[in-house]
Protein backbone atom coordinates (compact mmCIF):
# COMPACT_ATOMS: atom_id res chain seq x y z
CA MET A 1 83.43 114.27 122.51
CA GLN A 2 83.24 113.10 118.92
CA LEU A 3 86.43 112.58 116.92
CA TYR A 4 85.49 115.14 114.26
CA THR A 5 84.93 117.73 117.00
CA ARG A 6 88.38 117.13 118.48
CA ILE A 7 89.97 117.31 115.03
CA THR A 8 88.20 120.60 114.28
CA ILE A 9 89.24 122.09 117.63
CA GLY A 10 92.84 121.03 117.05
CA LEU A 11 92.82 122.47 113.54
CA VAL A 12 91.48 125.82 114.73
CA LEU A 13 93.91 126.00 117.68
CA ARG A 14 96.93 125.17 115.53
CA ALA A 15 95.91 127.74 112.94
CA ALA A 16 95.55 130.35 115.69
CA VAL A 17 98.98 129.51 117.11
CA GLY A 18 100.49 129.69 113.62
CA VAL A 19 98.99 133.12 112.99
CA ALA A 20 100.14 134.34 116.42
CA VAL A 21 103.71 133.10 115.91
CA ASN A 22 103.84 134.61 112.43
CA ALA A 23 102.48 137.95 113.67
CA SER A 24 104.96 138.06 116.56
CA GLY A 25 107.92 137.70 114.20
CA PHE A 26 109.32 134.78 116.21
CA ALA A 27 109.33 132.51 113.17
CA ASP A 28 111.59 134.91 111.26
CA THR A 29 114.50 134.66 113.68
CA VAL A 30 117.50 132.76 112.40
CA THR A 31 118.34 131.29 115.80
CA TRP A 32 114.99 129.51 115.99
CA THR A 33 115.51 127.75 112.70
CA GLU A 34 119.11 126.92 113.55
CA ARG A 35 117.95 125.24 116.75
CA ILE A 36 114.98 123.31 115.37
CA LEU A 37 116.36 122.05 112.04
CA PRO A 38 118.91 119.57 113.48
CA LEU A 39 116.19 118.08 115.67
CA LEU A 40 113.79 117.77 112.74
CA ASN A 41 116.51 116.21 110.59
CA PHE A 42 117.24 113.64 113.30
CA VAL A 43 113.58 112.76 113.86
CA GLY A 44 112.89 112.56 110.12
CA GLY A 45 115.93 110.39 109.49
CA ALA A 46 115.01 108.07 112.34
CA PHE A 47 111.49 107.75 110.96
CA ILE A 48 112.75 106.87 107.48
CA ARG A 49 115.18 104.29 108.92
CA ALA A 50 112.40 102.74 111.01
CA ILE A 51 110.10 102.48 107.99
CA THR A 52 112.95 100.94 105.96
CA MET A 53 113.59 98.34 108.67
CA VAL A 54 109.96 97.26 108.40
CA VAL A 55 109.37 97.49 104.65
CA VAL A 56 112.55 95.88 103.29
CA PRO A 57 112.10 92.53 105.10
CA LEU A 58 108.44 92.44 104.07
CA VAL A 59 109.31 92.99 100.41
CA VAL A 60 112.10 90.41 100.50
CA ALA A 61 109.87 87.85 102.23
CA SER A 62 107.08 88.50 99.70
CA LEU A 63 109.49 88.00 96.80
CA MET A 64 110.87 84.80 98.30
CA MET A 65 107.42 83.37 98.95
CA GLY A 66 106.21 84.28 95.48
CA VAL A 67 109.10 82.64 93.66
């Protein structure tokens, strides 16, 4: 299966799931957001820290080599 076909199928399926969740009213519940936000904050923070651990040494090394 071609990559663009898989991307299109994924896009359509995710849009359908989003419409279904929105129509069911599940996304409006406060308990759902209270449960998922701490997890998203942790994952997002870990991602930013990982990117920082890679980028900062590269920038410092580039500055040192250029000087």
